[in-house]
PDB file of all heavy atoms in Angstrom:
ATOM      1  N   ASP A   1     -30.216  26.569 -27.351  1.00  0.00           N
ATOM      2  CA  ASP A   1     -31.296  27.551 -27.378  1.00  0.00           C
ATOM      3  C   ASP A   1     -31.734  27.924 -25.958  1.00  0.00           C
ATOM      4  O   ASP A   1     -31.920  29.114 -25.636  1.00  0.00           O
ATOM      5  CB  ASP A   1     -32.488  27.007 -28.167  1.00  0.00           C
ATOM      6  CG  ASP A   1     -32.205  26.897 -29.657  1.00  0.00           C
ATOM      7  OD1 ASP A   1     -31.243  27.537 -30.124  1.00  0.00           O
ATOM      8  OD2 ASP A   1     -32.941  26.165 -30.343  1.00  0.00           O
ATOM      9  N   ALA A   2     -31.922  26.933 -25.105  1.00  0.00           N
ATOM     10  CA  ALA A   2     -32.329  27.208 -23.721  1.00  0.00           C
ATOM     11  C   ALA A   2     -31.189  27.844 -22.928  1.00  0.00           C
ATOM     12  O   ALA A   2     -31.405  28.749 -22.116  1.00  0.00           O
ATOM     13  CB  ALA A   2     -32.797  25.916 -23.047  1.00  0.00           C
ATOM     14  N   ALA A   3     -29.954  27.377 -23.168  1.00  0.00           N
ATOM     15  CA  ALA A   3     -28.805  27.881 -22.412  1.00  0.00           C
ATOM     16  C   ALA A   3     -28.508  29.339 -22.724  1.00  0.00           C
ATOM     17  O   ALA A   3     -28.078  30.094 -21.841  1.00  0.00           O
ATOM     18  CB  ALA A   3     -27.580  27.019 -22.692  1.00  0.00           C
ATOM     19  N   LEU A   4     -28.718  29.752 -23.982  1.00  0.00           N
ATOM     20  CA  LEU A   4     -28.475  31.154 -24.324  1.00  0.00           C
ATOM     21  C   LEU A   4     -29.348  32.081 -23.490  1.00  0.00           C
ATOM     22  O   LEU A   4     -28.908  33.140 -23.043  1.00  0.00           O
ATOM     23  CB  LEU A   4     -28.737  31.390 -25.811  1.00  0.00           C
ATOM     24  CG  LEU A   4     -27.622  30.994 -26.776  1.00  0.00           C
ATOM     25  CD1 LEU A   4     -28.115  31.071 -28.212  1.00  0.00           C
ATOM     26  CD2 LEU A   4     -26.400  31.897 -26.593  1.00  0.00           C
ATOM     27  N   ARG A   5     -30.610  31.707 -23.295  1.00  0.00           N
ATOM     28  CA  ARG A   5     -31.495  32.548 -22.492  1.00  0.00           C
ATOM     29  C   ARG A   5     -31.114  32.484 -21.012  1.00  0.00           C
ATOM     30  O   ARG A   5     -30.914  33.491 -20.358  1.00  0.00           O
ATOM     31  CB  ARG A   5     -32.949  32.096 -22.656  1.00  0.00           C
ATOM     32  CG  ARG A   5     -33.505  32.251 -24.066  1.00  0.00           C
ATOM     33  CD  ARG A   5     -33.984  33.672 -24.378  1.00  0.00           C
ATOM     34  NE  ARG A   5     -32.998  34.709 -24.178  1.00  0.00           N
ATOM     35  CZ  ARG A   5     -31.965  34.925 -25.010  1.00  0.00           C
ATOM     36  NH1 ARG A   5     -31.787  34.193 -26.073  1.00  0.00           N
ATOM     37  NH2 ARG A   5     -31.118  35.908 -24.765  1.00  0.00           N
ATOM     38  N   LEU A   6     -31.045  31.287 -20.483  1.00  0.00           N
ATOM     39  CA  LEU A   6     -30.817  31.158 -19.047  1.00  0.00           C
ATOM     40  C   LEU A   6     -29.411  31.593 -18.651  1.00  0.00           C
ATOM     41  O   LEU A   6     -29.184  32.029 -17.523  1.00  0.00           O
ATOM     42  CB  LEU A   6     -31.058  29.712 -18.613  1.00  0.00           C
ATOM     43  CG  LEU A   6     -31.122  29.456 -17.106  1.00  0.00           C
ATOM     44  CD1 LEU A   6     -32.174  30.339 -16.442  1.00  0.00           C
ATOM     45  CD2 LEU A   6     -31.417  27.987 -16.831  1.00  0.00           C
ATOM     46  N   GLY A   7     -28.483  31.510 -19.601  1.00  0.00           N
ATOM     47  CA  GLY A   7     -27.123  31.944 -19.306  1.00  0.00           C
ATOM     48  C   GLY A   7     -27.035  33.393 -18.901  1.00  0.00           C
ATOM     49  O   GLY A   7     -26.188  33.777 -18.083  1.00  0.00           O
ATOM     50  N   TRP A   8     -27.926  34.223 -19.464  1.00  0.00           N
ATOM     51  CA  TRP A   8     -27.924  35.640 -19.073  1.00  0.00           C
ATOM     52  C   TRP A   8     -28.434  35.825 -17.638  1.00  0.00           C
ATOM     53  O   TRP A   8     -27.940  36.689 -16.906  1.00  0.00           O
ATOM     54  CB  TRP A   8     -28.764  36.456 -20.049  1.00  0.00           C
ATOM     55  CG  TRP A   8     -28.083  36.710 -21.343  1.00  0.00           C
ATOM     56  CD1 TRP A   8     -28.398  36.187 -22.563  1.00  0.00           C
ATOM     57  CD2 TRP A   8     -26.929  37.540 -21.560  1.00  0.00           C
ATOM     58  NE1 TRP A   8     -27.526  36.640 -23.528  1.00  0.00           N
ATOM     59  CE2 TRP A   8     -26.618  37.477 -22.940  1.00  0.00           C
ATOM     60  CE3 TRP A   8     -26.139  38.333 -20.732  1.00  0.00           C
ATOM     61  CZ2 TRP A   8     -25.537  38.168 -23.494  1.00  0.00           C
ATOM     62  CZ3 TRP A   8     -25.066  39.030 -21.283  1.00  0.00           C
ATOM     63  CH2 TRP A   8     -24.786  38.950 -22.645  1.00  0.00           C
ATOM     64  N   ALA A   9     -29.419  35.030 -17.244  1.00  0.00           N
ATOM     65  CA  ALA A   9     -29.880  35.094 -15.855  1.00  0.00           C
ATOM     66  C   ALA A   9     -28.761  34.672 -14.919  1.00  0.00           C
ATOM     67  O   ALA A   9     -28.528  35.292 -13.868  1.00  0.00           O
ATOM     68  CB  ALA A   9     -31.106  34.215 -15.659  1.00  0.00           C
ATOM     69  N   ALA A  10     -28.042  33.599 -15.291  1.00  0.00           N
ATOM     70  CA  ALA A  10     -26.924  33.147 -14.472  1.00  0.00           C
ATOM     71  C   ALA A  10     -25.814  34.197 -14.424  1.00  0.00           C
ATOM     72  O   ALA A  10     -25.184  34.402 -13.383  1.00  0.00           O
ATOM     73  CB  ALA A  10     -26.392  31.824 -15.020  1.00  0.00           C
ATOM     74  N   ARG A  11     -25.573  34.861 -15.567  1.00  0.00           N
ATOM     75  CA  ARG A  11     -24.539  35.915 -15.601  1.00  0.00           C
ATOM     76  C   ARG A  11     -24.938  37.077 -14.703  1.00  0.00           C
ATOM     77  O   ARG A  11     -24.087  37.669 -14.016  1.00  0.00           O
ATOM     78  CB  ARG A  11     -24.348  36.405 -17.039  1.00  0.00           C
ATOM     79  CG  ARG A  11     -23.280  37.501 -17.175  1.00  0.00           C
ATOM     80  CD  ARG A  11     -21.903  36.943 -16.929  1.00  0.00           C
ATOM     81  NE  ARG A  11     -20.890  37.995 -16.901  1.00  0.00           N
ATOM     82  CZ  ARG A  11     -20.076  38.229 -15.881  1.00  0.00           C
ATOM     83  NH1 ARG A  11     -20.164  37.511 -14.773  1.00  0.00           N
ATOM     84  NH2 ARG A  11     -19.184  39.186 -15.947  1.00  0.00           N
ATOM     85  N   ALA A  12     -26.225  37.418 -14.675  1.00  0.00           N
ATOM     86  CA  ALA A  12     -26.690  38.484 -13.784  1.00  0.00           C
ATOM     87  C   ALA A  12     -26.445  38.116 -12.332  1.00  0.00           C
ATOM     88  O   ALA A  12     -25.979  38.944 -11.530  1.00  0.00           O
ATOM     89  CB  ALA A  12     -28.171  38.755 -14.020  1.00  0.00           C
ATOM     90  N   VAL A  13     -26.734  36.873 -11.990  1.00  0.00           N
ATOM     91  CA  VAL A  13     -26.539  36.410 -10.605  1.00  0.00           C
ATOM     92  C   VAL A  13     -25.064  36.370 -10.249  1.00  0.00           C
ATOM     93  O   VAL A  13     -24.635  36.919  -9.229  1.00  0.00           O
ATOM     94  CB  VAL A  13     -27.170  35.017 -10.423  1.00  0.00           C
ATOM     95  CG1 VAL A  13     -26.752  34.408  -9.086  1.00  0.00           C
ATOM     96  CG2 VAL A  13     -28.692  35.094 -10.516  1.00  0.00           C
ATOM     97  N   ASN A  14     -24.275  35.719 -11.096  1.00  0.00           N
ATOM     98  CA  ASN A  14     -22.862  35.517 -10.779  1.00  0.00           C
ATOM     99  C   ASN A  14     -22.043  36.790 -10.909  1.00  0.00           C
ATOM    100  O   ASN A  14     -21.043  36.972 -10.201  1.00  0.00           O
ATOM    101  CB  ASN A  14     -22.278  34.448 -11.711  1.00  0.00           C
ATOM    102  CG  ASN A  14     -20.880  34.014 -11.317  1.00  0.00           C
ATOM    103  OD1 ASN A  14     -20.629  33.719 -10.154  1.00  0.00           O
ATOM    104  ND2 ASN A  14     -19.981  33.963 -12.282  1.00  0.00           N
ATOM    105  N   GLY A  15     -22.462  37.693 -11.801  1.00  0.00           N
ATOM    106  CA  GLY A  15     -21.665  38.884 -12.066  1.00  0.00           C
ATOM    107  C   GLY A  15     -22.042  40.100 -11.259  1.00  0.00           C
ATOM    108  O   GLY A  15     -21.349  41.120 -11.305  1.00  0.00           O
ATOM    109  N   HIS A  16     -23.144  40.020 -10.503  1.00  0.00           N
ATOM    110  CA  HIS A  16     -23.545  41.173  -9.705  1.00  0.00           C
ATOM    111  C   HIS A  16     -22.574  41.344  -8.546  1.00  0.00           C
ATOM    112  O   HIS A  16     -22.334  40.405  -7.778  1.00  0.00           O
ATOM    113  CB  HIS A  16     -24.963  40.990  -9.177  1.00  0.00           C
ATOM    114  CG  HIS A  16     -25.486  42.185  -8.441  1.00  0.00           C
ATOM    115  ND1 HIS A  16     -25.776  43.376  -9.086  1.00  0.00           N
ATOM    116  CD2 HIS A  16     -25.752  42.383  -7.127  1.00  0.00           C
ATOM    117  CE1 HIS A  16     -26.208  44.257  -8.188  1.00  0.00           C
ATOM    118  NE2 HIS A  16     -26.198  43.676  -7.004  1.00  0.00           N
ATOM    119  N   VAL A  17     -22.021  42.530  -8.414  1.00  0.00           N
ATOM    120  CA  VAL A  17     -20.970  42.760  -7.424  1.00  0.00           C
ATOM    121  C   VAL A  17     -21.536  43.388  -6.170  1.00  0.00           C
ATOM    122  O   VAL A  17     -21.648  42.749  -5.130  1.00  0.00           O
ATOM    123  CB  VAL A  17     -19.839  43.635  -8.018  1.00  0.00           C
ATOM    124  CG1 VAL A  17     -18.738  43.842  -6.994  1.00  0.00           C
ATOM    125  CG2 VAL A  17     -19.279  42.974  -9.272  1.00  0.00           C
ATOM    126  N   ALA A  18     -21.905  44.650  -6.241  1.00  0.00           N
ATOM    127  CA  ALA A  18     -22.418  45.349  -5.064  1.00  0.00           C
ATOM    128  C   ALA A  18     -23.069  46.650  -5.507  1.00  0.00           C
ATOM    129  O   ALA A  18     -22.710  47.222  -6.533  1.00  0.00           O
ATOM    130  CB  ALA A  18     -21.302  45.645  -4.055  1.00  0.00           C
ATOM    131  N   ALA A  19     -24.006  47.105  -4.708  1.00  0.00           N
ATOM    132  CA  ALA A  19     -24.744  48.320  -5.059  1.00  0.00           C
ATOM    133  C   ALA A  19     -23.840  49.538  -5.134  1.00  0.00           C
ATOM    134  O   ALA A  19     -24.131  50.492  -5.870  1.00  0.00           O
ATOM    135  CB  ALA A  19     -25.862  48.551  -4.050  1.00  0.00           C
ATOM    136  N   ASP A  20     -22.730  49.537  -4.378  1.00  0.00           N
ATOM    137  CA  ASP A  20     -21.879  50.725  -4.338  1.00  0.00           C
ATOM    138  C   ASP A  20     -20.757  50.686  -5.371  1.00  0.00           C
ATOM    139  O   ASP A  20     -19.894  51.569  -5.392  1.00  0.00           O
ATOM    140  CB  ASP A  20     -21.281  50.911  -2.939  1.00  0.00           C
ATOM    141  CG  ASP A  20     -20.442  49.715  -2.485  1.00  0.00           C
ATOM    142  OD1 ASP A  20     -20.502  48.659  -3.155  1.00  0.00           O
ATOM    143  OD2 ASP A  20     -19.743  49.842  -1.470  1.00  0.00           O
ATOM    144  N   VAL A  21     -20.747  49.676  -6.236  1.00  0.00           N
ATOM    145  CA  VAL A  21     -19.737  49.610  -7.294  1.00  0.00           C
ATOM    146  C   VAL A  21     -20.265  50.356  -8.512  1.00  0.00           C
ATOM    147  O   VAL A  21     -21.353  50.055  -9.001  1.00  0.00           O
ATOM    148  CB  VAL A  21     -19.417  48.149  -7.662  1.00  0.00           C
ATOM    149  CG1 VAL A  21     -18.475  48.095  -8.858  1.00  0.00           C
ATOM    150  CG2 VAL A  21     -18.796  47.439  -6.471  1.00  0.00           C
ATOM    151  N   PRO A  22     -19.505  51.329  -9.043  1.00  0.00           N
ATOM    152  CA  PRO A  22     -19.990  52.126 -10.170  1.00  0.00           C
ATOM    153  C   PRO A  22     -20.402  51.255 -11.352  1.00  0.00           C
ATOM    154  O   PRO A  22     -19.690  50.332 -11.730  1.00  0.00           O
ATOM    155  CB  PRO A  22     -18.772  53.001 -10.509  1.00  0.00           C
ATOM    156  CG  PRO A  22     -17.990  53.087  -9.244  1.00  0.00           C
ATOM    157  CD  PRO A  22     -18.190  51.772  -8.556  1.00  0.00           C
ATOM    158  N   ASP A  23     -21.562  51.558 -11.914  1.00  0.00           N
ATOM    159  CA  ASP A  23     -22.083  50.928 -13.126  1.00  0.00           C
ATOM    160  C   ASP A  23     -22.523  49.479 -12.940  1.00  0.00           C
ATOM    161  O   ASP A  23     -23.004  48.858 -13.895  1.00  0.00           O
ATOM    162  CB  ASP A  23     -21.057  50.979 -14.280  1.00  0.00           C
ATOM    163  CG  ASP A  23     -20.650  52.399 -14.635  1.00  0.00           C
ATOM    164  OD1 ASP A  23     -21.519  53.289 -14.556  1.00  0.00           O
ATOM    165  OD2 ASP A  23     -19.484  52.607 -14.982  1.00  0.00           O
ATOM    166  N   ASP A  24     -22.392  48.914 -11.730  1.00  0.00           N
ATOM    167  CA  ASP A  24     -22.742  47.501 -11.576  1.00  0.00           C
ATOM    168  C   ASP A  24     -24.240  47.269 -11.747  1.00  0.00           C
ATOM    169  O   ASP A  24     -24.650  46.288 -12.381  1.00  0.00           O
ATOM    170  CB  ASP A  24     -22.293  46.980 -10.207  1.00  0.00           C
ATOM    171  CG  ASP A  24     -22.460  45.476 -10.100  1.00  0.00           C
ATOM    172  OD1 ASP A  24     -21.823  44.754 -10.891  1.00  0.00           O
ATOM    173  OD2 ASP A  24     -23.246  45.015  -9.255  1.00  0.00           O
ATOM    174  N   ALA A  25     -25.071  48.162 -11.201  1.00  0.00           N
ATOM    175  CA  ALA A  25     -26.519  48.002 -11.343  1.00  0.00           C
ATOM    176  C   ALA A  25     -26.931  48.061 -12.811  1.00  0.00           C
ATOM    177  O   ALA A  25     -27.795  47.291 -13.251  1.00  0.00           O
ATOM    178  CB  ALA A  25     -27.252  49.072 -10.542  1.00  0.00           C
ATOM    179  N   GLU A  26     -26.281  48.930 -13.578  1.00  0.00           N
ATOM    180  CA  GLU A  26     -26.600  49.037 -15.003  1.00  0.00           C
ATOM    181  C   GLU A  26     -26.205  47.772 -15.750  1.00  0.00           C
ATOM    182  O   GLU A  26     -26.948  47.280 -16.610  1.00  0.00           O
ATOM    183  CB  GLU A  26     -25.881  50.243 -15.606  1.00  0.00           C
ATOM    184  CG  GLU A  26     -26.188  50.475 -17.077  1.00  0.00           C
ATOM    185  CD  GLU A  26     -25.497  51.701 -17.638  1.00  0.00           C
ATOM    186  OE1 GLU A  26     -24.962  52.498 -16.850  1.00  0.00           O
ATOM    187  OE2 GLU A  26     -25.494  51.846 -18.872  1.00  0.00           O
ATOM    188  N   ARG A  27     -25.040  47.212 -15.425  1.00  0.00           N
ATOM    189  CA  ARG A  27     -24.613  45.970 -16.067  1.00  0.00           C
ATOM    190  C   ARG A  27     -25.583  44.832 -15.741  1.00  0.00           C
ATOM    191  O   ARG A  27     -25.934  44.029 -16.618  1.00  0.00           O
ATOM    192  CB  ARG A  27     -23.198  45.598 -15.628  1.00  0.00           C
ATOM    193  CG  ARG A  27     -22.098  46.437 -16.246  1.00  0.00           C
ATOM    194  CD  ARG A  27     -20.742  45.833 -15.990  1.00  0.00           C
ATOM    195  NE  ARG A  27     -20.387  45.873 -14.588  1.00  0.00           N
ATOM    196  CZ  ARG A  27     -19.683  46.847 -14.017  1.00  0.00           C
ATOM    197  NH1 ARG A  27     -19.257  47.860 -14.758  1.00  0.00           N
ATOM    198  NH2 ARG A  27     -19.403  46.830 -12.728  1.00  0.00           N
ATOM    199  N   THR A  28     -26.005  44.760 -14.494  1.00  0.00           N
ATOM    200  CA  THR A  28     -26.934  43.701 -14.104  1.00  0.00           C
ATOM    201  C   THR A  28     -28.260  43.854 -14.840  1.00  0.00           C
ATOM    202  O   THR A  28     -28.839  42.864 -15.311  1.00  0.00           O
ATOM    203  CB  THR A  28     -27.155  43.722 -12.582  1.00  0.00           C
ATOM    204  OG1 THR A  28     -25.902  43.471 -11.928  1.00  0.00           O
ATOM    205  CG2 THR A  28     -28.156  42.662 -12.150  1.00  0.00           C
ATOM    206  N   LEU A  29     -28.763  45.077 -14.962  1.00  0.00           N
ATOM    207  CA  LEU A  29     -30.012  45.308 -15.676  1.00  0.00           C
ATOM    208  C   LEU A  29     -29.881  44.900 -17.146  1.00  0.00           C
ATOM    209  O   LEU A  29     -30.799  44.291 -17.711  1.00  0.00           O
ATOM    210  CB  LEU A  29     -30.430  46.774 -15.570  1.00  0.00           C
ATOM    211  CG  LEU A  29     -31.736  47.148 -16.285  1.00  0.00           C
ATOM    212  CD1 LEU A  29     -32.910  46.341 -15.739  1.00  0.00           C
ATOM    213  CD2 LEU A  29     -32.007  48.648 -16.153  1.00  0.00           C
ATOM    214  N   THR A  30     -28.755  45.206 -17.773  1.00  0.00           N
ATOM    215  CA  THR A  30     -28.535  44.810 -19.164  1.00  0.00           C
ATOM    216  C   THR A  30     -28.599  43.292 -19.310  1.00  0.00           C
ATOM    217  O   THR A  30     -29.206  42.762 -20.242  1.00  0.00           O
ATOM    218  CB  THR A  30     -27.174  45.322 -19.658  1.00  0.00           C
ATOM    219  OG1 THR A  30     -27.197  46.755 -19.694  1.00  0.00           O
ATOM    220  CG2 THR A  30     -26.865  44.801 -21.058  1.00  0.00           C
ATOM    221  N   ARG A  31     -27.995  42.573 -18.374  1.00  0.00           N
ATOM    222  CA  ARG A  31     -28.015  41.103 -18.422  1.00  0.00           C
ATOM    223  C   ARG A  31     -29.429  40.571 -18.230  1.00  0.00           C
ATOM    224  O   ARG A  31     -29.826  39.595 -18.885  1.00  0.00           O
ATOM    225  CB  ARG A  31     -27.060  40.549 -17.375  1.00  0.00           C
ATOM    226  CG  ARG A  31     -25.601  40.853 -17.698  1.00  0.00           C
ATOM    227  CD  ARG A  31     -24.703  40.764 -16.488  1.00  0.00           C
ATOM    228  NE  ARG A  31     -23.326  41.154 -16.840  1.00  0.00           N
ATOM    229  CZ  ARG A  31     -22.386  41.483 -15.958  1.00  0.00           C
ATOM    230  NH1 ARG A  31     -22.669  41.465 -14.648  1.00  0.00           N
ATOM    231  NH2 ARG A  31     -21.184  41.820 -16.355  1.00  0.00           N
ATOM    232  N   LEU A  32     -30.201  41.203 -17.370  1.00  0.00           N
ATOM    233  CA  LEU A  32     -31.590  40.782 -17.180  1.00  0.00           C
ATOM    234  C   LEU A  32     -32.415  41.046 -18.434  1.00  0.00           C
ATOM    235  O   LEU A  32     -33.293  40.259 -18.801  1.00  0.00           O
ATOM    236  CB  LEU A  32     -32.193  41.507 -15.973  1.00  0.00           C
ATOM    237  CG  LEU A  32     -31.618  41.127 -14.602  1.00  0.00           C
ATOM    238  CD1 LEU A  32     -32.176  42.039 -13.521  1.00  0.00           C
ATOM    239  CD2 LEU A  32     -31.904  39.666 -14.273  1.00  0.00           C
ATOM    240  N   GLN A  33     -32.140  42.161 -19.103  1.00  0.00           N
ATOM    241  CA  GLN A  33     -32.828  42.449 -20.362  1.00  0.00           C
ATOM    242  C   GLN A  33     -32.478  41.414 -21.420  1.00  0.00           C
ATOM    243  O   GLN A  33     -33.354  40.952 -22.174  1.00  0.00           O
ATOM    244  CB  GLN A  33     -32.457  43.849 -20.853  1.00  0.00           C
ATOM    245  CG  GLN A  33     -33.039  44.969 -20.014  1.00  0.00           C
ATOM    246  CD  GLN A  33     -32.479  46.322 -20.405  1.00  0.00           C
ATOM    247  OE1 GLN A  33     -31.409  46.419 -21.010  1.00  0.00           O
ATOM    248  NE2 GLN A  33     -33.195  47.377 -20.065  1.00  0.00           N
ATOM    249  N   MET A  34     -31.219  41.025 -21.496  1.00  0.00           N
ATOM    250  CA  MET A  34     -30.824  40.002 -22.446  1.00  0.00           C
ATOM    251  C   MET A  34     -31.511  38.671 -22.125  1.00  0.00           C
ATOM    252  O   MET A  34     -31.889  37.927 -23.043  1.00  0.00           O
ATOM    253  CB  MET A  34     -29.312  39.835 -22.438  1.00  0.00           C
ATOM    254  CG  MET A  34     -28.542  40.996 -23.061  1.00  0.00           C
ATOM    255  SD  MET A  34     -28.906  41.258 -24.820  1.00  0.00           S
ATOM    256  CE  MET A  34     -28.304  39.714 -25.531  1.00  0.00           C
ATOM    257  N   PHE A  35     -31.684  38.389 -20.863  1.00  0.00           N
ATOM    258  CA  PHE A  35     -32.353  37.158 -20.455  1.00  0.00           C
ATOM    259  C   PHE A  35     -33.796  37.110 -20.960  1.00  0.00           C
ATOM    260  O   PHE A  35     -34.211  36.140 -21.615  1.00  0.00           O
ATOM    261  CB  PHE A  35     -32.311  37.048 -18.922  1.00  0.00           C
ATOM    262  CG  PHE A  35     -33.289  36.077 -18.329  1.00  0.00           C
ATOM    263  CD1 PHE A  35     -33.364  34.767 -18.791  1.00  0.00           C
ATOM    264  CD2 PHE A  35     -34.131  36.456 -17.290  1.00  0.00           C
ATOM    265  CE1 PHE A  35     -34.277  33.865 -18.236  1.00  0.00           C
ATOM    266  CE2 PHE A  35     -35.022  35.563 -16.731  1.00  0.00           C
ATOM    267  CZ  PHE A  35     -35.102  34.266 -17.218  1.00  0.00           C
ATOM    268  N   LEU A  36     -34.556  38.149 -20.716  1.00  0.00           N
ATOM    269  CA  LEU A  36     -35.958  38.134 -21.093  1.00  0.00           C
ATOM    270  C   LEU A  36     -36.227  38.530 -22.539  1.00  0.00           C
ATOM    271  O   LEU A  36     -37.151  38.014 -23.170  1.00  0.00           O
ATOM    272  CB  LEU A  36     -36.762  39.059 -20.173  1.00  0.00           C
ATOM    273  CG  LEU A  36     -37.047  38.562 -18.756  1.00  0.00           C
ATOM    274  CD1 LEU A  36     -38.003  39.487 -18.047  1.00  0.00           C
ATOM    275  CD2 LEU A  36     -37.605  37.135 -18.775  1.00  0.00           C
ATOM    276  N   ASP A  37     -35.420  39.435 -23.074  1.00  0.00           N
ATOM    277  CA  ASP A  37     -35.708  40.002 -24.388  1.00  0.00           C
ATOM    278  C   ASP A  37     -34.791  39.511 -25.499  1.00  0.00           C
ATOM    279  O   ASP A  37     -35.094  39.691 -26.683  1.00  0.00           O
ATOM    280  CB  ASP A  37     -35.637  41.531 -24.330  1.00  0.00           C
ATOM    281  CG  ASP A  37     -36.526  42.126 -23.254  1.00  0.00           C
ATOM    282  OD1 ASP A  37     -37.568  41.518 -22.946  1.00  0.00           O
ATOM    283  OD2 ASP A  37     -36.172  43.196 -22.712  1.00  0.00           O
ATOM    284  N   GLY A  38     -33.638  38.961 -25.117  1.00  0.00           N
ATOM    285  CA  GLY A  38     -32.659  38.552 -26.129  1.00  0.00           C
ATOM    286  C   GLY A  38     -32.004  39.714 -26.835  1.00  0.00           C
ATOM    287  O   GLY A  38     -31.382  39.549 -27.870  1.00  0.00           O
TER     288      GLY A  38
END
């Protein structure tokens, strides 16, 4: 239960590439939304 939530925060951190990579900011935002909102 705890890992499902925190795993999305970790995925946002580990999966964020760079500001100039297409769609990367959107993917990171989606992962942050999953972290807080499920």
